[in-house]
Amino acid sequence: QVQLVESGGGLVQAGGSLRLSCAASGSIFNINTMGWYRRAPRKQREFVARITNLGSTNYAAYADSVKGRFTISRDNAKNTVYLQMNSLKPEDTAVYYCNTDLNAPYYPWGQGTQVTVSS
C-alpha cells in the first residue's frame, strides 16, 4: 500500500517561509486530488489546501485562513505534493499531513511534519 511521508517542517519566526513536501511511496498519477491538512494543538484536523489534476490542468483550492499565503503544487513524476507557506503566522502552528481527503482518506495517514511559528 502507498505510504505518505511528509517533511520540511520546522521552527520559523512569524513572517517566515517553509516548503513542505509529501512523498508517496507509489504513483499518485491516477489520484486526481491530493491535499494538505493540519492539526493544531487541542484542535481537530482541518483542511488547508488541495490540488486537483484534470487532464493537463491543475486546480487549487485553499482554506480562507491560508489563501494568498500558501501555494500547493504537485509533481506526478516524483510522486510528490508540495506546500509553499509564506508569511507564516503563529496560528499556522500545527502538524501538517497530506492525503486525498480529510474525512475519507484513500491512504493511511502519515506521521506528519511539525510546523512551529514563533511570534
Protein backbone atom coordinates (compact mmCIF):
# COMPACT_ATOMS: atom_id res chain seq x y z
CA GLN A 1 0.00 0.00 0.00
CA VAL A 2 1.18 3.51 -0.75
CA GLN A 3 2.66 5.35 2.21
CA LEU A 4 2.86 9.11 2.56
CA VAL A 5 5.88 10.77 4.13
CA GLU A 6 5.69 14.44 4.99
CA SER A 7 8.80 16.56 5.53
CA GLY A 8 10.05 20.13 5.54
CA GLY A 9 8.57 21.36 8.78
CA GLY A 10 10.48 23.24 11.42
CA LEU A 11 10.63 26.26 13.68
CA VAL A 12 10.29 29.62 11.98
CA GLN A 13 9.59 33.16 13.07
CA ALA A 14 6.37 34.87 12.15
CA GLY A 15 6.59 36.21 8.63
CA GLY A 16 8.92 33.44 7.55
CA SER A 17 8.50 30.71 4.97
CA LEU A 18 8.66 26.94 4.76
CA ARG A 19 8.19 24.45 1.97
CA LEU A 20 6.61 21.15 2.88
CA SER A 21 6.92 18.00 0.80
CA CYS A 22 4.75 14.92 0.74
CA ALA A 23 6.40 11.94 -0.91
CA ALA A 24 4.27 8.95 -1.84
CA SER A 25 5.89 5.52 -1.97
CA GLY A 26 3.88 4.71 -5.09
CA SER A 27 2.41 6.51 -8.05
CA ILE A 28 -0.11 9.28 -7.47
CA PHE A 29 -0.52 9.86 -11.19
CA ASN A 30 -4.07 8.49 -11.16
CA ILE A 31 -5.05 10.26 -7.96
CA ASN A 32 -6.97 13.33 -9.08
CA THR A 33 -6.96 15.19 -5.79
CA MET A 34 -4.26 15.47 -3.15
CA GLY A 35 -4.45 17.80 -0.22
CA TRP A 36 -2.73 19.17 2.82
CA TYR A 37 -4.34 19.13 6.23
CA ARG A 38 -3.20 20.22 9.66
CA ARG A 39 -3.90 19.55 13.30
CA ALA A 40 -3.18 22.29 15.77
CA PRO A 41 -2.82 21.58 19.50
CA ARG A 42 -6.18 20.75 21.07
CA LYS A 43 -7.97 21.05 17.74
CA GLN A 44 -9.27 18.67 15.12
CA ARG A 45 -7.52 18.06 11.85
CA GLU A 46 -8.60 20.63 9.27
CA PHE A 47 -8.36 21.28 5.56
CA VAL A 48 -5.55 23.55 4.35
CA ALA A 49 -5.26 23.16 0.57
CA ARG A 50 -5.97 20.69 -2.22
CA ILE A 51 -4.91 20.32 -5.81
CA THR A 52 -6.97 18.52 -8.44
CA ASN A 53 -5.45 17.33 -11.67
CA LEU A 54 -7.84 17.25 -14.60
CA GLY A 55 -6.07 16.44 -17.81
CA SER A 56 -3.27 18.93 -18.25
CA THR A 57 -4.64 21.45 -15.76
CA ASN A 58 -4.26 21.62 -12.00
CA TYR A 59 -6.90 23.33 -9.92
CA ALA A 60 -6.07 24.52 -6.41
CA ALA A 61 -8.33 25.40 -3.51
CA TYR A 62 -7.40 26.85 -0.14
CA ALA A 63 -8.83 27.39 3.29
CA ASP A 64 -9.68 31.06 3.83
CA SER A 65 -7.11 31.25 6.61
CA VAL A 66 -4.20 30.49 4.24
CA LYS A 67 -5.44 31.93 0.98
CA GLY A 68 -2.88 34.26 -0.58
CA ARG A 69 -0.09 32.93 1.66
CA PHE A 70 0.14 29.20 0.83
CA THR A 71 0.60 27.56 -2.55
CA ILE A 72 0.04 23.89 -3.27
CA SER A 73 1.68 22.12 -6.19
CA ARG A 74 2.37 18.58 -7.32
CA ASP A 75 4.94 16.72 -9.37
CA ASN A 76 3.43 13.45 -10.53
CA ALA A 77 6.75 12.29 -11.98
CA LYS A 78 8.23 12.46 -8.47
CA ASN A 79 5.03 11.31 -6.73
CA THR A 80 5.31 14.38 -4.55
CA VAL A 81 3.00 17.14 -3.41
CA TYR A 82 4.34 20.43 -2.07
CA LEU A 83 3.04 23.21 0.11
CA GLN A 84 4.84 26.53 -0.06
CA MET A 85 3.99 28.52 3.03
CA ASN A 86 4.79 32.23 3.16
CA SER A 87 4.01 34.97 5.67
CA LEU A 88 3.62 32.37 8.37
CA LYS A 89 1.65 33.25 11.49
CA PRO A 90 1.71 31.72 14.98
CA GLU A 91 -1.77 30.32 14.30
CA ASP A 92 -0.28 28.22 11.50
CA THR A 93 1.49 26.14 14.16
CA ALA A 94 0.35 22.55 13.69
CA VAL A 95 1.30 19.13 12.44
CA TYR A 96 0.80 19.07 8.69
CA TYR A 97 -0.34 15.99 6.79
CA CYS A 98 -1.11 15.14 3.19
CA ASN A 99 -3.73 12.76 1.85
CA THR A 100 -6.58 12.57 -0.63
CA ASP A 101 -9.39 13.67 1.63
CA LEU A 102 -9.92 14.81 5.20
CA ASN A 103 -12.84 12.58 6.19
CA ALA A 104 -12.40 9.65 3.79
CA PRO A 105 -8.66 9.45 3.08
CA TYR A 106 -7.56 6.95 0.48
CA TYR A 107 -4.22 6.28 2.16
CA PRO A 108 -3.23 5.74 5.79
CA TRP A 109 -2.25 8.97 7.49
CA GLY A 110 1.49 9.53 7.69
CA GLN A 111 3.40 10.88 10.67
CA GLY A 112 3.05 14.44 9.51
CA THR A 113 5.59 17.23 9.82
CA GLN A 114 5.60 19.73 12.67
CA VAL A 115 5.45 23.42 11.84
CA THR A 116 6.03 25.84 14.69
CA VAL A 117 5.76 29.58 14.14
CA SER A 118 7.07 31.82 16.89
CA SER A 119 5.78 35.33 17.44
